[in-house]
Amino acid sequence: MAGSSPRRVVITGAGTVNALGRDVAATVDAMAEGRSAIGALDFPDVERLSVRIGAQVRGWVPEDLFDGARLSLYDRFTQFALVAGREAMAQAGLDAVPGDSTRWGAVIGTAGGGNGTVNDAFRAVFAEGKNRVHPFTVPRLMNNAAASHLSILWGLMGPTFSVATACSSSNHAIGLAVQMIRAGMADGMLAGGAESMLNFGGMKAWEGLRVMSPDGCRPFSLGRNGMVQGEGAAVFVLETLEAAQARGAEILAEIKGFAMTSDAGDIVMPSVEGAARTMRMALADAGVSPDAVGYINAHGTGTTANDRTEAAAIHAVFGARAGQVPVSSTKAMHGHCIGATGAIELLACLMALRQGVIAPTVGFMAPDPDCPLDVVPNTAREAQVTTVMSNAFAFGGLNAVLVLGRV
């Protein structure tokens, strides 16, 4: 109704596949224990790479999870999204969407889309001299494949699309889904991110940027030397608070605030002002002050430029409190999952809100004077928090920040 308050949006289901675990419980346990899934990569031609580590989903056998006829349509990133979506729907207590299926949709963030399919097609044509590729190459590689297959699986006939904003993709996807529910365009959404770029072509492209570490991810630590790639997916069931309460659903958290901005500056170098402006806008959207935030899940890639810029932005927003707010990056455990990373990191935010456990920044060796933050080094911490923030700052200067709280 005109003039009414925006509808409140809550999370009632969560699902994931990533290098730490095949479901939310295993992932959260690994985060709480500070385990890292980064190790030696295993795929064809890995010996031709100079960077040979990553957070790879090991022992993935899709034939055990999908019907053969359907599997021929699914790139690895789509497979991850579908498994995560199944878990999210099960936790939400749904075997079908409630009410009108035209009022439910899906938004999935991804940067590389069907990157594995692209790698396989290039290998077939250029390395093996074949004149044909798989007939479903295009449906498998398109960025919207994961969102589309989620809509097909669950009969979602409302707004369904993909978002590609590099490392901010899944934060954008979740935030846009929240906005559509708030505005009355949808009653519920599946939202999150999915990514799988751990193959020769994907890694070779990232090597060219010279931002990859050959030996480990150490966010905010003195002596860090770059990011480490991961892969996986996380998907969430979002619906209105009113609908969730009416059907007696367990509410995991409320998404209270969202903001997105563009630096309009450099294509790869981050901006202190842009990051700070996005955090301030997200807090304003949530209607909370910086003093209310009890945990920040940082973008924290482990590159010198990103970590120093983000630390400066946090100080700009949180002032004298900046050094006291727990700030951790979980990328040293599950890797930088690019378009899926914000969604996987949202699980650490839920852990802080629901279990009172703040995930550590593992691999930390020594404080960097340019990153004067409480980074929860190496060991998880118990703390009762009611409001958390999740940052995502992407190449292209595209920023997306979420603020979550208890209901």
Protein backbone atom coordinates (compact mmCIF):
# COMPACT_ATOMS: atom_id res chain seq x y z
CA MET A 1 0.00 0.00 0.00
CA ALA A 2 1.15 3.51 -0.76
CA GLY A 3 2.78 5.10 2.24
CA SER A 4 3.20 1.81 4.13
CA SER A 5 6.55 0.72 5.53
CA PRO A 6 8.71 -1.59 3.39
CA ARG A 7 8.20 -5.25 4.13
CA ARG A 8 10.79 -6.80 6.44
CA VAL A 9 12.83 -9.56 4.82
CA VAL A 10 14.19 -12.58 6.67
CA ILE A 11 16.29 -15.63 5.91
CA THR A 12 14.52 -18.93 6.60
CA GLY A 13 16.82 -21.34 4.79
CA ALA A 14 20.51 -21.64 3.95
CA GLY A 15 22.47 -24.11 1.86
CA THR A 16 26.03 -24.38 0.62
CA VAL A 17 28.68 -26.38 -1.17
CA ASN A 18 32.25 -25.19 -0.76
CA ALA A 19 35.71 -26.49 0.03
CA LEU A 20 35.03 -26.44 3.78
CA GLY A 21 31.94 -28.62 3.56
CA ARG A 22 29.05 -29.96 1.50
CA ASP A 23 26.44 -28.34 3.73
CA VAL A 24 25.97 -25.49 6.19
CA ALA A 25 26.67 -27.52 9.33
CA ALA A 26 30.04 -28.78 8.08
CA THR A 27 30.99 -25.32 6.81
CA VAL A 28 30.12 -23.56 10.06
CA ASP A 29 31.95 -26.20 12.09
CA ALA A 30 35.07 -25.67 9.98
CA MET A 31 34.82 -21.90 10.36
CA ALA A 32 34.45 -22.19 14.13
CA GLU A 33 37.48 -24.49 14.28
CA GLY A 34 39.54 -22.22 12.02
CA ARG A 35 40.24 -24.97 9.47
CA SER A 36 41.55 -23.99 6.05
CA ALA A 37 40.55 -25.92 2.94
CA ILE A 38 43.30 -24.39 0.80
CA GLY A 39 45.60 -26.99 -0.72
CA ALA A 40 47.16 -28.29 -3.91
CA LEU A 41 44.91 -28.03 -6.97
CA ASP A 42 44.03 -31.15 -8.94
CA PHE A 43 42.91 -30.77 -12.55
CA PRO A 44 44.39 -31.23 -16.06
CA ASP A 45 47.44 -29.09 -16.89
CA VAL A 46 47.81 -27.75 -13.34
CA GLU A 47 51.57 -28.28 -13.75
CA ARG A 48 51.56 -25.48 -16.35
CA LEU A 49 50.46 -22.95 -13.73
CA SER A 50 52.75 -20.93 -11.51
CA VAL A 51 50.02 -20.76 -8.83
CA ARG A 52 48.90 -24.28 -7.94
CA ILE A 53 46.90 -23.86 -4.75
CA GLY A 54 43.23 -23.18 -4.16
CA ALA A 55 40.19 -24.12 -2.09
CA GLN A 56 38.80 -26.86 -4.31
CA VAL A 57 35.65 -28.92 -3.68
CA ARG A 58 37.21 -32.38 -3.47
CA GLY A 59 35.68 -35.67 -4.50
CA TRP A 60 32.71 -34.10 -6.26
CA VAL A 61 30.82 -36.85 -8.13
CA PRO A 62 27.86 -35.19 -9.87
CA GLU A 63 26.58 -38.51 -11.21
CA ASP A 64 25.67 -39.40 -7.63
CA LEU A 65 23.60 -36.25 -7.27
CA PHE A 66 21.81 -35.69 -10.57
CA ASP A 67 19.92 -37.63 -13.19
CA GLY A 68 22.14 -38.25 -16.22
CA ALA A 69 19.81 -36.55 -18.68
CA ARG A 70 19.69 -33.40 -16.57
CA LEU A 71 23.37 -33.48 -15.70
CA SER A 72 24.33 -32.91 -19.33
CA LEU A 73 22.85 -29.41 -18.92
CA TYR A 74 24.72 -28.50 -15.73
CA ASP A 75 28.11 -26.84 -15.52
CA ARG A 76 29.88 -27.35 -12.21
CA PHE A 77 28.76 -23.93 -10.90
CA THR A 78 25.13 -24.82 -11.61
CA GLN A 79 25.54 -28.16 -9.84
CA PHE A 80 26.81 -26.35 -6.75
CA ALA A 81 23.88 -23.92 -6.82
CA LEU A 82 21.27 -26.67 -7.16
CA VAL A 83 22.66 -28.68 -4.24
CA ALA A 84 22.85 -25.53 -2.10
CA GLY A 85 19.31 -24.61 -3.12
CA ARG A 86 17.99 -28.01 -2.09
CA GLU A 87 19.51 -27.64 1.37
CA ALA A 88 18.15 -24.11 1.74
CA MET A 89 14.62 -25.15 0.81
CA ALA A 90 14.78 -28.14 3.16
CA GLN A 91 15.90 -25.97 6.07
CA ALA A 92 13.12 -23.51 5.29
CA GLY A 93 10.68 -26.42 5.62
CA LEU A 94 9.54 -26.12 2.02
CA ASP A 95 9.02 -28.89 -0.52
CA ALA A 96 7.43 -26.30 -2.80
CA VAL A 97 7.12 -22.56 -2.69
CA PRO A 98 4.15 -21.42 -0.58
CA GLY A 99 1.31 -19.59 -2.26
CA ASP A 100 1.54 -18.15 -5.76
CA SER A 101 4.59 -19.45 -7.64
CA THR A 102 4.54 -16.36 -9.86
CA ARG A 103 5.49 -14.40 -6.73
CA TRP A 104 8.74 -16.33 -6.17
CA GLY A 105 11.99 -16.04 -8.12
CA ALA A 106 15.74 -16.51 -7.97
CA VAL A 107 18.75 -14.22 -8.20
CA ILE A 108 22.19 -15.83 -8.34
CA GLY A 109 25.47 -13.94 -8.49
CA THR A 110 28.35 -15.30 -10.55
CA ALA A 111 31.37 -13.76 -12.20
CA GLY A 112 32.54 -16.64 -14.38
CA GLY A 113 29.28 -18.50 -15.00
CA GLY A 114 29.97 -21.77 -16.78
CA ASN A 115 33.71 -21.21 -16.82
CA GLY A 116 34.44 -24.94 -16.69
CA THR A 117 32.35 -25.47 -19.81
CA VAL A 118 34.26 -22.70 -21.58
CA ASN A 119 37.57 -24.30 -20.57
CA ASP A 120 36.43 -27.72 -21.83
CA ALA A 121 35.22 -26.27 -25.14
CA PHE A 122 38.45 -24.37 -25.76
CA ARG A 123 40.48 -27.48 -24.91
CA ALA A 124 38.45 -29.57 -27.35
CA VAL A 125 38.82 -27.10 -30.22
CA PHE A 126 42.30 -25.69 -29.73
CA ALA A 127 44.24 -28.40 -27.90
CA GLU A 128 42.59 -31.55 -29.22
CA GLY A 129 41.80 -30.27 -32.74
CA LYS A 130 38.12 -31.17 -32.61
CA ASN A 131 35.67 -29.37 -34.87
CA ARG A 132 32.67 -29.70 -32.57
CA VAL A 133 31.86 -28.86 -28.99
CA HIS A 134 29.17 -30.26 -26.70
CA PRO A 135 25.72 -29.36 -28.09
CA PHE A 136 24.70 -27.85 -24.75
CA THR A 137 27.79 -25.64 -24.47
CA VAL A 138 25.82 -22.39 -24.61
CA PRO A 139 23.09 -23.40 -22.12
CA ARG A 140 25.80 -24.65 -19.75
CA LEU A 141 28.10 -21.62 -19.91
CA MET A 142 25.54 -18.81 -19.72
CA ASN A 143 25.67 -16.86 -16.47
CA ASN A 144 21.95 -17.24 -15.86
CA ALA A 145 22.08 -21.04 -15.99
CA ALA A 146 22.15 -21.54 -12.21
CA ALA A 147 19.27 -19.15 -11.57
CA SER A 148 17.27 -20.63 -14.44
CA HIS A 149 17.73 -24.21 -13.28
CA LEU A 150 16.74 -23.26 -9.73
CA SER A 151 13.57 -21.74 -11.17
CA ILE A 152 12.89 -24.91 -13.16
CA LEU A 153 13.53 -27.21 -10.21
CA TRP A 154 11.29 -25.29 -7.81
CA GLY A 155 8.74 -23.83 -10.23
CA LEU A 156 9.74 -20.23 -9.56
CA MET A 157 7.84 -18.09 -12.05
CA GLY A 158 8.69 -14.65 -10.68
CA PRO A 159 11.78 -12.45 -11.18
CA THR A 160 14.71 -14.72 -12.05
CA PHE A 161 18.11 -13.57 -13.29
CA SER A 162 21.84 -13.55 -12.67
CA VAL A 163 24.08 -10.75 -11.41
CA ALA A 164 27.68 -10.36 -12.54
CA THR A 165 29.64 -7.78 -10.56
CA ALA A 166 32.86 -9.72 -10.04
CA CYS A 167 33.55 -10.27 -6.32
CA SER A 168 30.38 -8.43 -5.23
CA SER A 169 28.03 -10.54 -7.33
CA SER A 170 26.32 -12.51 -4.58
CA ASN A 171 25.98 -9.53 -2.23
CA HIS A 172 24.32 -7.68 -5.09
CA ALA A 173 22.11 -10.69 -5.81
CA ILE A 174 20.96 -11.00 -2.21
CA GLY A 175 20.46 -7.26 -1.85
CA LEU A 176 18.42 -6.99 -5.04
CA ALA A 177 16.27 -9.92 -3.95
CA VAL A 178 15.64 -8.13 -0.65
CA GLN A 179 14.65 -4.96 -2.48
CA MET A 180 12.19 -6.80 -4.72
CA ILE A 181 10.50 -8.40 -1.71
CA ARG A 182 10.44 -5.10 0.16
CA ALA A 183 8.87 -3.36 -2.82
CA GLY A 184 6.19 -6.02 -3.29
CA MET A 185 7.53 -7.34 -6.60
CA ALA A 186 7.96 -10.78 -5.06
CA ASP A 187 6.92 -12.63 -1.91
CA GLY A 188 9.96 -14.85 -1.70
CA MET A 189 13.27 -15.44 -3.45
CA LEU A 190 16.13 -17.88 -3.65
CA ALA A 191 19.26 -15.74 -3.64
CA GLY A 192 23.00 -16.24 -3.37
CA GLY A 193 25.97 -17.00 -5.57
CA ALA A 194 27.77 -19.81 -7.37
CA GLU A 195 31.24 -20.04 -8.90
CA SER A 196 33.66 -22.59 -10.28
CA MET A 197 36.75 -21.21 -12.00
CA LEU A 198 39.29 -23.70 -10.70
CA ASN A 199 40.48 -25.06 -14.02
CA PHE A 200 43.48 -24.38 -16.21
CA GLY A 201 41.91 -21.58 -18.24
CA GLY A 202 40.31 -19.87 -15.27
CA MET A 203 43.45 -19.94 -13.16
CA LYS A 204 45.73 -18.94 -16.04
CA ALA A 205 43.63 -15.82 -16.58
CA TRP A 206 43.85 -14.88 -12.89
CA GLU A 207 47.60 -15.48 -12.89
CA GLY A 208 47.93 -12.67 -15.41
CA LEU A 209 46.71 -10.14 -12.85
CA ARG A 210 49.57 -11.02 -10.48
CA VAL A 211 47.31 -10.86 -7.43
CA MET A 212 47.44 -14.58 -6.59
CA SER A 213 49.47 -16.00 -3.72
CA PRO A 214 51.53 -19.12 -4.43
CA ASP A 215 51.58 -20.21 -0.80
CA GLY A 216 48.53 -19.06 1.15
CA CYS A 217 45.93 -16.41 1.97
CA ARG A 218 46.77 -14.17 4.96
CA PRO A 219 44.23 -11.29 5.10
CA PHE A 220 45.32 -8.15 6.96
CA SER A 221 48.59 -9.83 7.99
CA LEU A 222 52.02 -8.34 7.55
CA GLY A 223 53.78 -10.37 4.88
CA ARG A 224 50.64 -11.31 2.95
CA ASN A 225 51.22 -11.75 -0.77
CA GLY A 226 47.86 -12.15 -2.48
CA MET A 227 44.56 -13.95 -2.75
CA VAL A 228 43.78 -17.64 -3.15
CA GLN A 229 40.86 -18.79 -5.28
CA GLY A 230 38.08 -21.04 -4.11
CA GLU A 231 34.84 -22.39 -5.57
CA GLY A 232 31.36 -23.24 -4.39
CA ALA A 233 27.91 -21.82 -3.82
CA ALA A 234 25.58 -20.62 -1.12
CA VAL A 235 21.85 -20.09 -1.57
CA PHE A 236 19.31 -18.60 0.86
CA VAL A 237 15.53 -18.62 1.11
CA LEU A 238 14.30 -15.06 1.62
CA GLU A 239 10.72 -14.17 2.48
CA THR A 240 8.75 -11.59 4.41
CA LEU A 241 8.86 -11.65 8.18
CA GLU A 242 5.06 -11.77 8.23
CA ALA A 243 4.89 -14.83 5.95
CA ALA A 244 7.65 -16.65 7.81
CA GLN A 245 5.96 -16.11 11.15
CA ALA A 246 2.56 -17.10 9.76
CA ARG A 247 3.82 -20.51 8.65
CA GLY A 248 5.91 -21.03 11.79
CA ALA A 249 9.25 -21.04 9.99
CA GLU A 250 12.51 -20.79 11.91
CA ILE A 251 14.00 -17.37 11.21
CA LEU A 252 17.77 -17.39 10.83
CA ALA A 253 18.24 -13.61 10.59
CA GLU A 254 16.74 -10.45 9.18
CA ILE A 255 18.43 -8.62 6.33
CA LYS A 256 18.04 -5.14 7.70
CA GLY A 257 20.12 -3.05 5.33
CA PHE A 258 21.67 -3.06 1.87
CA ALA A 259 23.61 -0.55 -0.18
CA MET A 260 25.45 -0.62 -3.49
CA THR A 261 27.70 1.99 -5.05
CA SER A 262 30.27 2.49 -7.79
CA ASP A 263 33.67 4.07 -7.28
CA ALA A 264 33.64 5.32 -10.88
CA GLY A 265 37.41 5.33 -10.66
CA ASP A 266 39.92 2.57 -11.36
CA ILE A 267 38.97 -0.81 -12.85
CA VAL A 268 41.04 -2.77 -10.30
CA MET A 269 42.22 -0.43 -7.50
CA PRO A 270 39.72 -0.06 -4.63
CA SER A 271 38.60 3.24 -3.15
CA VAL A 272 38.48 4.14 0.55
CA GLU A 273 35.73 6.67 -0.06
CA GLY A 274 33.63 4.24 -2.11
CA ALA A 275 33.86 1.47 0.48
CA ALA A 276 33.12 3.84 3.35
CA ARG A 277 30.16 5.41 1.54
CA THR A 278 28.62 1.99 0.92
CA MET A 279 28.97 0.94 4.56
CA ARG A 280 27.37 4.20 5.73
CA MET A 281 24.49 3.79 3.29
CA ALA A 282 23.86 0.19 4.37
CA LEU A 283 23.76 1.24 8.02
CA ALA A 284 21.36 4.04 7.17
CA ASP A 285 19.15 1.64 5.23
CA ALA A 286 19.12 -0.67 8.25
CA GLY A 287 18.32 2.21 10.57
CA VAL A 288 21.22 1.38 12.91
CA SER A 289 24.29 3.29 14.03
CA PRO A 290 27.87 2.07 13.66
CA ASP A 291 27.90 1.49 17.42
CA ALA A 292 25.33 -1.30 17.00
CA VAL A 293 27.57 -3.44 14.79
CA GLY A 294 29.17 -6.30 16.71
CA TYR A 295 30.97 -8.02 13.84
CA ILE A 296 32.17 -7.14 10.34
CA ASN A 297 32.79 -9.89 7.80
CA ALA A 298 35.43 -8.15 5.73
CA HIS A 299 36.06 -8.46 2.02
CA GLY A 300 39.65 -9.12 3.15
CA THR A 301 41.21 -10.68 0.06
CA GLY A 302 44.78 -10.84 1.31
CA THR A 303 46.12 -8.37 -1.25
CA THR A 304 48.02 -5.37 0.03
CA ALA A 305 45.81 -2.80 -1.70
CA ASN A 306 42.44 -4.29 -0.76
CA ASP A 307 43.20 -4.90 2.90
CA ARG A 308 44.69 -1.47 3.55
CA THR A 309 41.86 0.26 1.71
CA GLU A 310 39.18 -1.66 3.59
CA ALA A 311 40.86 -1.02 6.94
CA ALA A 312 40.96 2.71 6.21
CA ALA A 313 37.29 2.66 5.17
CA ILE A 314 36.28 0.88 8.38
CA HIS A 315 38.13 3.53 10.40
CA ALA A 316 36.38 6.25 8.42
CA VAL A 317 32.96 4.80 9.26
CA PHE A 318 33.47 3.46 12.79
CA GLY A 319 35.85 6.10 14.10
CA ALA A 320 37.29 5.46 17.56
CA ARG A 321 35.50 2.09 17.69
CA ALA A 322 37.16 0.76 14.54
CA GLY A 323 39.94 -0.99 16.40
CA GLN A 324 37.54 -2.69 18.81
CA VAL A 325 34.93 -4.14 16.43
CA PRO A 326 35.80 -7.75 15.52
CA VAL A 327 36.64 -7.83 11.80
CA SER A 328 37.51 -11.13 10.13
CA SER A 329 37.99 -12.51 6.66
CA THR A 330 37.03 -16.12 6.09
CA LYS A 331 38.67 -16.23 2.65
CA ALA A 332 41.77 -17.76 4.21
CA MET A 333 39.61 -20.82 4.92
CA HIS A 334 37.31 -21.25 1.89
CA GLY A 335 39.28 -19.19 -0.61
CA HIS A 336 38.08 -16.23 -2.61
CA CYS A 337 35.06 -17.70 -4.37
CA ILE A 338 34.67 -14.59 -6.56
CA GLY A 339 30.96 -14.29 -7.47
CA ALA A 340 29.93 -16.73 -4.73
CA THR A 341 32.16 -15.39 -1.99
CA GLY A 342 29.73 -12.98 -0.33
CA ALA A 343 27.06 -15.68 -0.10
CA ILE A 344 29.43 -18.19 1.51
CA GLU A 345 30.69 -15.50 3.87
CA LEU A 346 27.11 -14.76 4.92
CA LEU A 347 27.22 -18.11 6.71
CA ALA A 348 29.87 -16.66 9.04
CA CYS A 349 27.50 -13.77 9.74
CA LEU A 350 24.70 -16.18 10.60
CA MET A 351 27.09 -18.11 12.86
CA ALA A 352 27.93 -14.92 14.75
CA LEU A 353 24.27 -13.98 15.19
CA ARG A 354 22.90 -17.42 16.03
CA GLN A 355 25.75 -19.21 17.78
CA GLY A 356 27.69 -16.30 19.22
CA VAL A 357 30.88 -17.46 17.48
CA ILE A 358 32.97 -15.08 15.38
CA ALA A 359 34.98 -16.79 12.65
CA PRO A 360 38.74 -16.15 12.77
CA THR A 361 41.11 -14.73 10.21
CA VAL A 362 43.39 -17.72 9.82
CA GLY A 363 46.93 -17.60 8.47
CA PHE A 364 47.54 -14.37 10.37
CA MET A 365 51.25 -13.91 11.18
CA ALA A 366 51.80 -10.35 12.42
CA PRO A 367 49.88 -7.07 12.55
CA ASP A 368 50.18 -4.69 9.62
CA PRO A 369 50.43 -1.10 10.95
CA ASP A 370 48.35 -0.04 7.95
CA CYS A 371 45.51 -2.38 9.01
CA PRO A 372 44.89 -1.47 12.67
CA LEU A 373 41.90 -3.76 13.23
CA ASP A 374 40.84 -6.51 15.61
CA VAL A 375 41.02 -9.26 13.00
CA VAL A 376 40.22 -12.17 15.36
CA PRO A 377 43.57 -13.77 14.49
CA ASN A 378 43.67 -17.55 13.94
CA THR A 379 41.19 -18.57 16.66
CA ALA A 380 37.41 -18.14 16.74
CA ARG A 381 35.93 -15.99 19.48
CA GLU A 382 32.72 -16.19 21.47
CA ALA A 383 30.74 -12.96 21.50
CA GLN A 384 27.08 -12.03 21.72
CA VAL A 385 26.20 -9.80 18.80
CA THR A 386 22.87 -8.56 17.50
CA THR A 387 23.95 -6.76 14.31
CA VAL A 388 26.57 -7.74 11.71
CA MET A 389 27.88 -6.31 8.47
CA SER A 390 29.13 -8.14 5.38
CA ASN A 391 31.36 -6.28 2.92
CA ALA A 392 32.01 -6.96 -0.76
CA PHE A 393 34.19 -4.64 -2.84
CA ALA A 394 34.75 -5.78 -6.42
CA PHE A 395 36.98 -5.12 -9.39
CA GLY A 396 35.30 -2.43 -11.43
CA GLY A 397 34.77 -0.41 -8.27
CA LEU A 398 31.42 -2.05 -7.55
CA ASN A 399 30.56 -2.22 -3.86
CA ALA A 400 27.77 -4.06 -2.05
CA VAL A 401 27.25 -4.20 1.72
CA LEU A 402 24.65 -6.11 3.72
CA VAL A 403 23.60 -5.53 7.34
CA LEU A 404 21.93 -8.39 9.20
CA GLY A 405 20.38 -8.66 12.63
CA ARG A 406 18.41 -10.86 14.93
CA VAL A 407 14.62 -10.70 14.81
